[in-house]
Amino acid sequence: MSKHTLAVLVENSPGVLARVASLFSRRAYNIDSLAVGPTENPDLSRMTIVLNVEGHVLDQVMAQVYKLVNVIAVSEMPSASTVHRELLLVKVATNKIAEILEIVERFDAKLVDEEEQALTIECTAESAHIEALLKALTPFGIKELVQSGLVALERGTAALSDRTLSAQGISTLHEIGTQADYQN
């Protein structure tokens, strides 16, 4: 199996995330990472979904997601032409501050909070870089961590919303929220 990143453009309305997530659970597909947020258009949200599936299953998943009423577009984000990032916030015991600060600098991370008992570090990077940072900090005692899901954006001037909305004959200025929502 191999990891695939999907960008899903959806209407920004209640229940859409639940419908997309339930599609995966009903079919017993595991989501490795899921990040959802607003887009440049307040009527749209963008989901970035990372799956570990085979090629033909990926095609089935994409077709099934696209069939959902509130889904505007589904696109695979190929690694070669996409910028991938995750956010990590990690709280580390302050037993060796100088060594921890050296690691923070080496990994281009930031110290965002310093207390007597703990340092809080922020890092935005590719998944492998985040994993390496965590491995380097583990010997010092990780007290707590939170990691976002992967987000991805195509390199260059290409934009998922421009490409898909115009292909469907929907103006990017059109208010999608005025369309009927038959699943709510």
N, C-alpha and C. Protein backbone atom coordinates (compact mmCIF):
# COMPACT_ATOMS: atom_id res chain seq x y z
N MET A 1 0.83 -1.18 0.00
CA MET A 1 0.00 0.00 0.00
C MET A 1 0.88 1.24 0.00
N SER A 2 0.32 2.32 -0.50
CA SER A 2 1.06 3.58 -0.54
C SER A 2 0.16 4.74 -0.12
N LYS A 3 0.81 5.79 0.38
CA LYS A 3 0.06 6.96 0.86
C LYS A 3 -0.32 7.85 -0.30
N HIS A 4 -1.54 8.34 -0.25
CA HIS A 4 -2.06 9.26 -1.24
C HIS A 4 -2.71 10.44 -0.53
N THR A 5 -2.49 11.63 -1.05
CA THR A 5 -3.07 12.84 -0.48
C THR A 5 -4.17 13.33 -1.41
N LEU A 6 -5.37 13.51 -0.86
CA LEU A 6 -6.51 14.01 -1.63
C LEU A 6 -6.85 15.42 -1.16
N ALA A 7 -7.14 16.29 -2.11
CA ALA A 7 -7.70 17.61 -1.81
C ALA A 7 -9.17 17.52 -2.19
N VAL A 8 -10.04 17.85 -1.24
CA VAL A 8 -11.49 17.78 -1.48
C VAL A 8 -12.06 19.16 -1.21
N LEU A 9 -12.64 19.75 -2.22
CA LEU A 9 -13.29 21.05 -2.11
C LEU A 9 -14.77 20.80 -1.85
N VAL A 10 -15.29 21.35 -0.75
CA VAL A 10 -16.67 21.09 -0.34
C VAL A 10 -17.39 22.40 -0.02
N GLU A 11 -18.71 22.33 -0.03
CA GLU A 11 -19.50 23.47 0.44
C GLU A 11 -19.24 23.64 1.93
N ASN A 12 -19.17 24.87 2.36
CA ASN A 12 -18.96 25.16 3.77
C ASN A 12 -20.33 25.17 4.46
N SER A 13 -20.79 23.98 4.80
CA SER A 13 -22.10 23.87 5.46
C SER A 13 -22.04 22.77 6.51
N PRO A 14 -22.93 22.84 7.51
CA PRO A 14 -22.92 21.85 8.59
C PRO A 14 -23.15 20.43 8.07
N GLY A 15 -22.42 19.48 8.63
CA GLY A 15 -22.62 18.08 8.32
C GLY A 15 -21.77 17.52 7.20
N VAL A 16 -21.09 18.38 6.45
CA VAL A 16 -20.30 17.89 5.31
C VAL A 16 -19.14 17.01 5.79
N LEU A 17 -18.41 17.46 6.80
CA LEU A 17 -17.30 16.67 7.33
C LEU A 17 -17.80 15.31 7.81
N ALA A 18 -18.91 15.29 8.51
CA ALA A 18 -19.47 14.02 9.02
C ALA A 18 -19.82 13.08 7.87
N ARG A 19 -20.38 13.61 6.79
CA ARG A 19 -20.74 12.76 5.65
C ARG A 19 -19.51 12.18 4.98
N VAL A 20 -18.48 13.00 4.80
CA VAL A 20 -17.25 12.52 4.17
C VAL A 20 -16.58 11.47 5.06
N ALA A 21 -16.46 11.76 6.34
CA ALA A 21 -15.82 10.82 7.27
C ALA A 21 -16.60 9.52 7.37
N SER A 22 -17.93 9.59 7.37
CA SER A 22 -18.73 8.37 7.49
C SER A 22 -18.61 7.51 6.23
N LEU A 23 -18.38 8.13 5.08
CA LEU A 23 -18.15 7.35 3.86
C LEU A 23 -16.93 6.44 4.04
N PHE A 24 -15.87 6.99 4.64
CA PHE A 24 -14.65 6.21 4.87
C PHE A 24 -14.88 5.12 5.90
N SER A 25 -15.57 5.43 6.98
CA SER A 25 -15.79 4.43 8.02
C SER A 25 -16.72 3.31 7.55
N ARG A 26 -17.74 3.64 6.77
CA ARG A 26 -18.66 2.60 6.25
C ARG A 26 -17.92 1.60 5.38
N ARG A 27 -16.91 2.06 4.67
CA ARG A 27 -16.18 1.18 3.76
C ARG A 27 -14.89 0.64 4.38
N ALA A 28 -14.68 0.93 5.65
CA ALA A 28 -13.53 0.45 6.42
C ALA A 28 -12.19 0.90 5.84
N TYR A 29 -12.15 2.14 5.30
CA TYR A 29 -10.90 2.74 4.87
C TYR A 29 -10.37 3.58 6.01
N ASN A 30 -9.08 3.45 6.29
CA ASN A 30 -8.48 4.21 7.38
C ASN A 30 -7.94 5.54 6.86
N ILE A 31 -8.26 6.62 7.54
CA ILE A 31 -7.73 7.93 7.21
C ILE A 31 -6.49 8.13 8.07
N ASP A 32 -5.33 8.33 7.44
CA ASP A 32 -4.09 8.59 8.18
C ASP A 32 -4.05 10.00 8.72
N SER A 33 -4.60 10.94 7.96
CA SER A 33 -4.58 12.34 8.37
C SER A 33 -5.77 13.04 7.72
N LEU A 34 -6.37 13.98 8.46
CA LEU A 34 -7.49 14.75 7.94
C LEU A 34 -7.37 16.17 8.48
N ALA A 35 -7.32 17.12 7.57
CA ALA A 35 -7.28 18.54 7.94
C ALA A 35 -8.35 19.26 7.14
N VAL A 36 -9.11 20.10 7.81
CA VAL A 36 -10.19 20.84 7.17
C VAL A 36 -10.07 22.30 7.55
N GLY A 37 -10.29 23.17 6.58
CA GLY A 37 -10.24 24.59 6.88
C GLY A 37 -10.89 25.40 5.79
N PRO A 38 -11.05 26.70 6.06
CA PRO A 38 -11.68 27.59 5.07
C PRO A 38 -10.77 27.80 3.87
N THR A 39 -11.36 28.31 2.81
CA THR A 39 -10.60 28.65 1.60
C THR A 39 -10.69 30.15 1.36
N GLU A 40 -10.19 30.57 0.23
CA GLU A 40 -10.28 31.99 -0.14
C GLU A 40 -11.72 32.41 -0.38
N ASN A 41 -12.61 31.45 -0.62
CA ASN A 41 -14.04 31.69 -0.82
C ASN A 41 -14.76 31.26 0.46
N PRO A 42 -15.45 32.14 1.16
CA PRO A 42 -16.08 31.78 2.44
C PRO A 42 -17.19 30.72 2.31
N ASP A 43 -17.65 30.47 1.09
CA ASP A 43 -18.68 29.45 0.88
C ASP A 43 -18.11 28.06 0.72
N LEU A 44 -16.76 27.95 0.66
CA LEU A 44 -16.10 26.67 0.43
C LEU A 44 -15.13 26.34 1.56
N SER A 45 -14.98 25.06 1.81
CA SER A 45 -13.94 24.56 2.71
C SER A 45 -13.10 23.56 1.93
N ARG A 46 -11.90 23.33 2.41
CA ARG A 46 -11.01 22.38 1.75
C ARG A 46 -10.58 21.33 2.75
N MET A 47 -10.72 20.08 2.36
CA MET A 47 -10.27 18.96 3.18
C MET A 47 -8.99 18.40 2.55
N THR A 48 -8.02 18.10 3.36
CA THR A 48 -6.83 17.39 2.90
C THR A 48 -6.86 16.06 3.62
N ILE A 49 -6.99 14.99 2.86
CA ILE A 49 -7.14 13.64 3.41
C ILE A 49 -5.97 12.78 2.95
N VAL A 50 -5.28 12.15 3.89
CA VAL A 50 -4.18 11.25 3.56
C VAL A 50 -4.65 9.82 3.83
N LEU A 51 -4.55 8.99 2.79
CA LEU A 51 -4.99 7.59 2.86
C LEU A 51 -3.83 6.68 2.51
N ASN A 52 -3.87 5.47 3.03
CA ASN A 52 -2.89 4.45 2.71
C ASN A 52 -3.63 3.33 1.99
N VAL A 53 -3.74 3.44 0.66
CA VAL A 53 -4.53 2.49 -0.13
C VAL A 53 -3.82 2.15 -1.44
N GLU A 54 -4.31 1.12 -2.11
CA GLU A 54 -3.81 0.73 -3.43
C GLU A 54 -4.46 1.60 -4.50
N GLY A 55 -3.92 1.56 -5.71
CA GLY A 55 -4.36 2.40 -6.81
C GLY A 55 -5.83 2.29 -7.17
N HIS A 56 -6.35 1.07 -7.38
CA HIS A 56 -7.75 0.94 -7.79
C HIS A 56 -8.71 1.34 -6.67
N VAL A 57 -8.31 1.10 -5.43
CA VAL A 57 -9.14 1.51 -4.29
C VAL A 57 -9.18 3.04 -4.22
N LEU A 58 -8.06 3.68 -4.51
CA LEU A 58 -8.01 5.14 -4.52
C LEU A 58 -9.01 5.70 -5.53
N ASP A 59 -9.06 5.11 -6.71
CA ASP A 59 -10.01 5.57 -7.73
C ASP A 59 -11.44 5.41 -7.24
N GLN A 60 -11.74 4.29 -6.57
CA GLN A 60 -13.08 4.06 -6.03
C GLN A 60 -13.42 5.10 -4.96
N VAL A 61 -12.48 5.33 -4.06
CA VAL A 61 -12.69 6.30 -2.98
C VAL A 61 -12.97 7.68 -3.56
N MET A 62 -12.16 8.10 -4.51
CA MET A 62 -12.34 9.42 -5.11
C MET A 62 -13.71 9.53 -5.78
N ALA A 63 -14.12 8.48 -6.48
CA ALA A 63 -15.44 8.50 -7.14
C ALA A 63 -16.57 8.56 -6.11
N GLN A 64 -16.44 7.80 -5.02
CA GLN A 64 -17.48 7.79 -3.99
C GLN A 64 -17.57 9.14 -3.27
N VAL A 65 -16.43 9.75 -2.98
CA VAL A 65 -16.42 11.06 -2.32
C VAL A 65 -17.05 12.09 -3.25
N TYR A 66 -16.71 12.03 -4.53
CA TYR A 66 -17.22 13.01 -5.48
C TYR A 66 -18.74 12.94 -5.63
N LYS A 67 -19.32 11.77 -5.39
CA LYS A 67 -20.77 11.58 -5.51
C LYS A 67 -21.55 12.26 -4.39
N LEU A 68 -20.89 12.59 -3.29
CA LEU A 68 -21.58 13.25 -2.19
C LEU A 68 -22.07 14.63 -2.64
N VAL A 69 -23.29 14.99 -2.24
CA VAL A 69 -23.95 16.20 -2.72
C VAL A 69 -23.12 17.46 -2.49
N ASN A 70 -22.52 17.63 -1.33
CA ASN A 70 -21.83 18.87 -0.99
C ASN A 70 -20.38 18.93 -1.47
N VAL A 71 -19.93 17.89 -2.18
CA VAL A 71 -18.55 17.86 -2.67
C VAL A 71 -18.50 18.53 -4.04
N ILE A 72 -17.61 19.49 -4.18
CA ILE A 72 -17.43 20.24 -5.42
C ILE A 72 -16.36 19.58 -6.29
N ALA A 73 -15.24 19.17 -5.66
CA ALA A 73 -14.11 18.60 -6.42
C ALA A 73 -13.29 17.67 -5.54
N VAL A 74 -12.67 16.69 -6.19
CA VAL A 74 -11.73 15.78 -5.53
C VAL A 74 -10.52 15.68 -6.44
N SER A 75 -9.34 15.84 -5.88
CA SER A 75 -8.13 15.77 -6.68
C SER A 75 -7.02 15.12 -5.87
N GLU A 76 -6.26 14.23 -6.51
CA GLU A 76 -5.08 13.68 -5.85
C GLU A 76 -3.96 14.70 -5.96
N MET A 77 -3.21 14.84 -4.88
CA MET A 77 -2.12 15.81 -4.83
C MET A 77 -0.79 15.06 -4.97
N PRO A 78 -0.24 14.96 -6.17
CA PRO A 78 1.02 14.23 -6.36
C PRO A 78 2.18 14.90 -5.64
N SER A 79 3.01 14.12 -5.01
CA SER A 79 4.12 14.65 -4.20
C SER A 79 5.05 15.56 -4.99
N ALA A 80 5.34 15.22 -6.22
CA ALA A 80 6.31 15.98 -7.01
C ALA A 80 5.86 17.41 -7.28
N SER A 81 4.55 17.64 -7.38
CA SER A 81 4.07 18.98 -7.74
C SER A 81 3.29 19.66 -6.62
N THR A 82 3.53 19.21 -5.38
CA THR A 82 2.75 19.70 -4.25
C THR A 82 3.65 20.05 -3.07
N VAL A 83 3.29 21.11 -2.36
CA VAL A 83 3.95 21.46 -1.11
C VAL A 83 3.12 20.83 0.02
N HIS A 84 3.74 19.99 0.85
CA HIS A 84 3.08 19.34 1.98
C HIS A 84 3.66 19.87 3.28
N ARG A 85 2.79 20.18 4.25
CA ARG A 85 3.28 20.66 5.54
C ARG A 85 2.39 20.17 6.67
N GLU A 86 3.00 20.05 7.86
CA GLU A 86 2.29 19.75 9.10
C GLU A 86 2.77 20.74 10.15
N LEU A 87 1.95 20.94 11.16
CA LEU A 87 2.32 21.79 12.28
C LEU A 87 2.45 20.92 13.52
N LEU A 88 3.50 21.16 14.29
CA LEU A 88 3.74 20.44 15.54
C LEU A 88 3.94 21.45 16.65
N LEU A 89 3.25 21.24 17.76
CA LEU A 89 3.52 21.94 19.01
C LEU A 89 3.90 20.85 20.01
N VAL A 90 5.07 21.00 20.63
CA VAL A 90 5.54 19.98 21.56
C VAL A 90 6.10 20.63 22.81
N LYS A 91 5.73 20.06 23.96
CA LYS A 91 6.19 20.55 25.26
C LYS A 91 7.22 19.56 25.77
N VAL A 92 8.43 20.08 26.08
CA VAL A 92 9.56 19.24 26.48
C VAL A 92 10.03 19.65 27.86
N ALA A 93 10.39 18.68 28.68
CA ALA A 93 10.96 18.96 30.00
C ALA A 93 12.25 19.76 29.83
N THR A 94 12.49 20.71 30.72
CA THR A 94 13.64 21.62 30.57
C THR A 94 14.88 21.17 31.34
N ASN A 95 15.18 19.89 31.29
CA ASN A 95 16.34 19.41 32.04
C ASN A 95 17.68 19.81 31.41
N LYS A 96 17.74 20.05 30.09
CA LYS A 96 18.98 20.44 29.43
C LYS A 96 18.65 21.50 28.38
N ILE A 97 18.44 22.72 28.83
CA ILE A 97 17.95 23.79 27.97
C ILE A 97 18.88 24.06 26.78
N ALA A 98 20.17 24.14 27.00
CA ALA A 98 21.11 24.46 25.91
C ALA A 98 21.03 23.43 24.79
N GLU A 99 20.97 22.15 25.15
CA GLU A 99 20.90 21.09 24.14
C GLU A 99 19.57 21.14 23.38
N ILE A 100 18.49 21.41 24.10
CA ILE A 100 17.17 21.49 23.46
C ILE A 100 17.13 22.68 22.49
N LEU A 101 17.67 23.83 22.91
CA LEU A 101 17.69 25.00 22.04
C LEU A 101 18.54 24.77 20.79
N GLU A 102 19.59 23.99 20.92
CA GLU A 102 20.42 23.63 19.77
C GLU A 102 19.61 22.80 18.77
N ILE A 103 18.81 21.87 19.28
CA ILE A 103 17.94 21.05 18.41
C ILE A 103 16.89 21.92 17.75
N VAL A 104 16.31 22.83 18.51
CA VAL A 104 15.30 23.75 17.97
C VAL A 104 15.88 24.53 16.79
N GLU A 105 17.08 25.04 16.95
CA GLU A 105 17.73 25.80 15.89
C GLU A 105 18.07 24.92 14.70
N ARG A 106 18.59 23.73 14.96
CA ARG A 106 18.98 22.81 13.88
C ARG A 106 17.79 22.41 13.01
N PHE A 107 16.60 22.32 13.60
CA PHE A 107 15.40 21.90 12.87
C PHE A 107 14.54 23.09 12.40
N ASP A 108 15.09 24.30 12.49
CA ASP A 108 14.36 25.51 12.09
C ASP A 108 12.99 25.61 12.77
N ALA A 109 12.95 25.21 14.03
CA ALA A 109 11.72 25.30 14.82
C ALA A 109 11.77 26.61 15.61
N LYS A 110 10.71 26.87 16.38
CA LYS A 110 10.64 28.09 17.19
C LYS A 110 10.31 27.74 18.63
N LEU A 111 10.91 28.46 19.54
CA LEU A 111 10.55 28.36 20.95
C LEU A 111 9.40 29.34 21.16
N VAL A 112 8.21 28.83 21.53
CA VAL A 112 7.04 29.72 21.66
C VAL A 112 6.62 29.94 23.11
N ASP A 113 7.16 29.16 24.04
CA ASP A 113 6.86 29.37 25.46
C ASP A 113 7.96 28.74 26.29
N GLU A 114 8.40 29.47 27.32
CA GLU A 114 9.45 28.97 28.19
C GLU A 114 9.00 29.13 29.63
N GLU A 115 8.92 28.05 30.32
CA GLU A 115 8.57 28.02 31.75
C GLU A 115 9.69 27.31 32.50
N GLU A 116 9.59 27.30 33.81
CA GLU A 116 10.60 26.62 34.62
C GLU A 116 10.67 25.13 34.34
N GLN A 117 9.54 24.51 34.17
CA GLN A 117 9.48 23.06 34.02
C GLN A 117 9.39 22.56 32.57
N ALA A 118 9.11 23.47 31.61
CA ALA A 118 8.90 23.00 30.23
C ALA A 118 9.15 24.09 29.21
N LEU A 119 9.57 23.65 28.04
CA LEU A 119 9.71 24.51 26.87
C LEU A 119 8.66 24.05 25.85
N THR A 120 7.99 25.00 25.20
CA THR A 120 7.05 24.64 24.14
C THR A 120 7.65 25.07 22.82
N ILE A 121 7.69 24.13 21.89
CA ILE A 121 8.36 24.32 20.61
C ILE A 121 7.33 24.17 19.49
N GLU A 122 7.47 24.99 18.48
CA GLU A 122 6.61 24.94 17.29
C GLU A 122 7.46 24.63 16.08
N CYS A 123 6.95 23.77 15.21
CA CYS A 123 7.65 23.47 13.97
C CYS A 123 6.63 23.23 12.87
N THR A 124 6.83 23.88 11.74
CA THR A 124 6.02 23.65 10.55
C THR A 124 6.95 23.11 9.49
N ALA A 125 6.66 21.90 9.02
CA ALA A 125 7.57 21.25 8.08
C ALA A 125 6.90 20.04 7.43
N GLU A 126 7.65 19.36 6.59
CA GLU A 126 7.18 18.11 6.01
C GLU A 126 7.16 17.04 7.10
N SER A 127 6.37 16.01 6.88
CA SER A 127 6.18 14.96 7.89
C SER A 127 7.49 14.33 8.36
N ALA A 128 8.40 14.04 7.44
CA ALA A 128 9.66 13.40 7.81
C ALA A 128 10.49 14.31 8.73
N HIS A 129 10.46 15.60 8.47
CA HIS A 129 11.20 16.57 9.29
C HIS A 129 10.60 16.62 10.71
N ILE A 130 9.27 16.59 10.79
CA ILE A 130 8.58 16.59 12.09
C ILE A 130 8.95 15.33 12.88
N GLU A 131 8.94 14.19 12.20
CA GLU A 131 9.30 12.92 12.86
C GLU A 131 10.73 12.95 13.37
N ALA A 132 11.64 13.50 12.58
CA ALA A 132 13.05 13.59 13.00
C ALA A 132 13.20 14.51 14.22
N LEU A 133 12.47 15.62 14.23
CA LEU A 133 12.51 16.53 15.39
C LEU A 133 12.01 15.81 16.64
N LEU A 134 10.90 15.11 16.52
CA LEU A 134 10.36 14.38 17.67
C LEU A 134 11.35 13.33 18.17
N LYS A 135 12.00 12.65 17.26
CA LYS A 135 13.00 11.63 17.64
C LYS A 135 14.16 12.28 18.40
N ALA A 136 14.57 13.47 17.96
CA ALA A 136 15.67 14.18 18.62
C ALA A 136 15.26 14.69 20.01
N LEU A 137 13.98 15.05 20.19
CA LEU A 137 13.52 15.60 21.47
C LEU A 137 13.10 14.52 22.48
N THR A 138 12.81 13.33 22.02
CA THR A 138 12.31 12.26 22.89
C THR A 138 13.21 11.99 24.11
N PRO A 139 14.53 11.94 23.97
CA PRO A 139 15.38 11.67 25.15
C PRO A 139 15.26 12.70 26.27
N PHE A 140 14.78 13.90 25.96
CA PHE A 140 14.66 14.96 26.96
C PHE A 140 13.36 14.87 27.76
N GLY A 141 12.42 14.08 27.27
CA GLY A 141 11.15 13.92 27.96
C GLY A 141 10.05 14.78 27.37
N ILE A 142 9.32 14.22 26.46
CA ILE A 142 8.18 14.94 25.87
C ILE A 142 7.02 14.87 26.85
N LYS A 143 6.55 16.03 27.29
CA LYS A 143 5.44 16.10 28.24
C LYS A 143 4.09 16.03 27.52
N GLU A 144 4.03 16.67 26.35
CA GLU A 144 2.77 16.73 25.61
C GLU A 144 3.08 17.17 24.19
N LEU A 145 2.26 16.69 23.25
CA LEU A 145 2.41 17.18 21.89
C LEU A 145 1.07 17.15 21.17
N VAL A 146 0.96 18.01 20.19
CA VAL A 146 -0.20 18.03 19.31
C VAL A 146 0.35 18.28 17.91
N GLN A 147 -0.20 17.54 16.96
CA GLN A 147 0.27 17.61 15.59
C GLN A 147 -0.94 17.76 14.67
N SER A 148 -0.86 18.72 13.76
CA SER A 148 -1.97 18.91 12.83
C SER A 148 -1.95 17.81 11.78
N GLY A 149 -3.01 17.74 11.03
CA GLY A 149 -3.01 16.87 9.86
C GLY A 149 -2.21 17.53 8.75
N LEU A 150 -1.86 16.76 7.78
CA LEU A 150 -1.12 17.26 6.63
C LEU A 150 -2.00 18.21 5.83
N VAL A 151 -1.42 19.29 5.36
CA VAL A 151 -2.08 20.17 4.40
C VAL A 151 -1.19 20.22 3.17
N ALA A 152 -1.82 20.39 2.01
CA ALA A 152 -1.07 20.36 0.76
C ALA A 152 -1.63 21.38 -0.21
N LEU A 153 -0.74 21.96 -0.99
CA LEU A 153 -1.12 22.96 -1.98
C LEU A 153 -0.25 22.74 -3.22
N GLU A 154 -0.87 22.81 -4.40
CA GLU A 154 -0.12 22.64 -5.64
C GLU A 154 0.91 23.75 -5.80
N ARG A 155 2.04 23.41 -6.38
CA ARG A 155 3.06 24.41 -6.67
C ARG A 155 2.61 25.25 -7.87
N GLY A 156 3.14 26.45 -7.98
CA GLY A 156 2.87 27.29 -9.14
C GLY A 156 1.55 28.03 -9.04
N THR A 157 1.01 28.42 -10.18
CA THR A 157 -0.19 29.24 -10.21
C THR A 157 -1.47 28.43 -10.22
N ALA A 158 -1.39 27.12 -10.37
CA ALA A 158 -2.58 26.28 -10.41
C ALA A 158 -3.35 26.39 -9.10
N ALA A 159 -4.68 26.48 -9.20
CA ALA A 159 -5.55 26.54 -8.02
C ALA A 159 -6.70 25.56 -8.22
N LEU A 160 -6.90 24.69 -7.25
CA LEU A 160 -7.95 23.68 -7.33
C LEU A 160 -9.32 24.31 -7.56
N SER A 161 -9.63 25.37 -6.84
CA SER A 161 -10.96 25.99 -6.98
C SER A 161 -11.16 26.60 -8.36
N ASP A 162 -10.16 27.28 -8.89
CA ASP A 162 -10.30 27.87 -10.23
C ASP A 162 -10.51 26.79 -11.28
N ARG A 163 -9.71 25.75 -11.21
CA ARG A 163 -9.77 24.68 -12.20
C ARG A 163 -11.09 23.93 -12.14
N THR A 164 -11.54 23.58 -10.96
CA THR A 164 -12.74 22.75 -10.85
C THR A 164 -14.02 23.53 -10.96
N LEU A 165 -14.09 24.72 -10.39
CA LEU A 165 -15.32 25.49 -10.47
C LEU A 165 -15.60 25.93 -11.90
N SER A 166 -14.57 26.38 -12.62
CA SER A 166 -14.80 26.81 -14.00
C SER A 166 -15.10 25.62 -14.90
N ALA A 167 -14.51 24.45 -14.63
CA ALA A 167 -14.80 23.25 -15.42
C ALA A 167 -16.24 22.82 -15.24
N GLN A 168 -16.82 23.10 -14.07
CA GLN A 168 -18.22 22.74 -13.81
C GLN A 168 -19.17 23.86 -14.19
N GLY A 169 -18.63 24.98 -14.70
CA GLY A 169 -19.49 26.09 -15.09
C GLY A 169 -19.98 26.90 -13.91
N ILE A 170 -19.30 26.81 -12.76
CA ILE A 170 -19.67 27.58 -11.58
C ILE A 170 -18.69 28.73 -11.46
N SER A 171 -19.20 29.92 -11.41
CA SER A 171 -18.36 31.09 -11.23
C SER A 171 -17.71 31.04 -9.86
N THR A 172 -16.47 31.46 -9.78
CA THR A 172 -15.80 31.47 -8.48
C THR A 172 -16.38 32.56 -7.59
N LEU A 173 -17.15 33.48 -8.17
CA LEU A 173 -17.80 34.52 -7.38
C LEU A 173 -19.23 34.11 -6.99
N HIS A 174 -19.72 33.00 -7.57
CA HIS A 174 -21.08 32.52 -7.30
C HIS A 174 -21.20 32.10 -5.83
N GLU A 175 -22.30 32.43 -5.23
CA GLU A 175 -22.50 32.04 -3.84
C GLU A 175 -23.01 30.61 -3.79
N ILE A 176 -22.13 29.69 -3.46
CA ILE A 176 -22.49 28.29 -3.41
C ILE A 176 -23.49 28.03 -2.29
N GLY A 177 -23.45 28.83 -1.25
CA GLY A 177 -24.36 28.65 -0.12
C GLY A 177 -25.83 28.81 -0.50
N THR A 178 -26.13 29.36 -1.68
CA THR A 178 -27.51 29.53 -2.08
C THR A 178 -28.08 28.28 -2.73
N GLN A 179 -27.22 27.29 -3.02
CA GLN A 179 -27.70 26.04 -3.61
C GLN A 179 -28.42 25.22 -2.55
N ALA A 180 -29.37 24.43 -3.00
CA ALA A 180 -30.10 23.57 -2.07
C ALA A 180 -29.17 22.52 -1.50
N ASP A 181 -29.31 22.23 -0.25
CA ASP A 181 -28.55 21.17 0.41
C ASP A 181 -29.51 20.05 0.73
N TYR A 182 -29.53 19.03 -0.10
CA TYR A 182 -30.52 17.98 0.00
C TYR A 182 -30.23 16.96 1.09
N GLN A 183 -29.03 17.03 1.68
CA GLN A 183 -28.69 16.05 2.71
C GLN A 183 -28.86 16.60 4.11
N ASN A 184 -29.21 17.85 4.27
CA ASN A 184 -29.42 18.41 5.62
C ASN A 184 -30.89 18.42 5.95
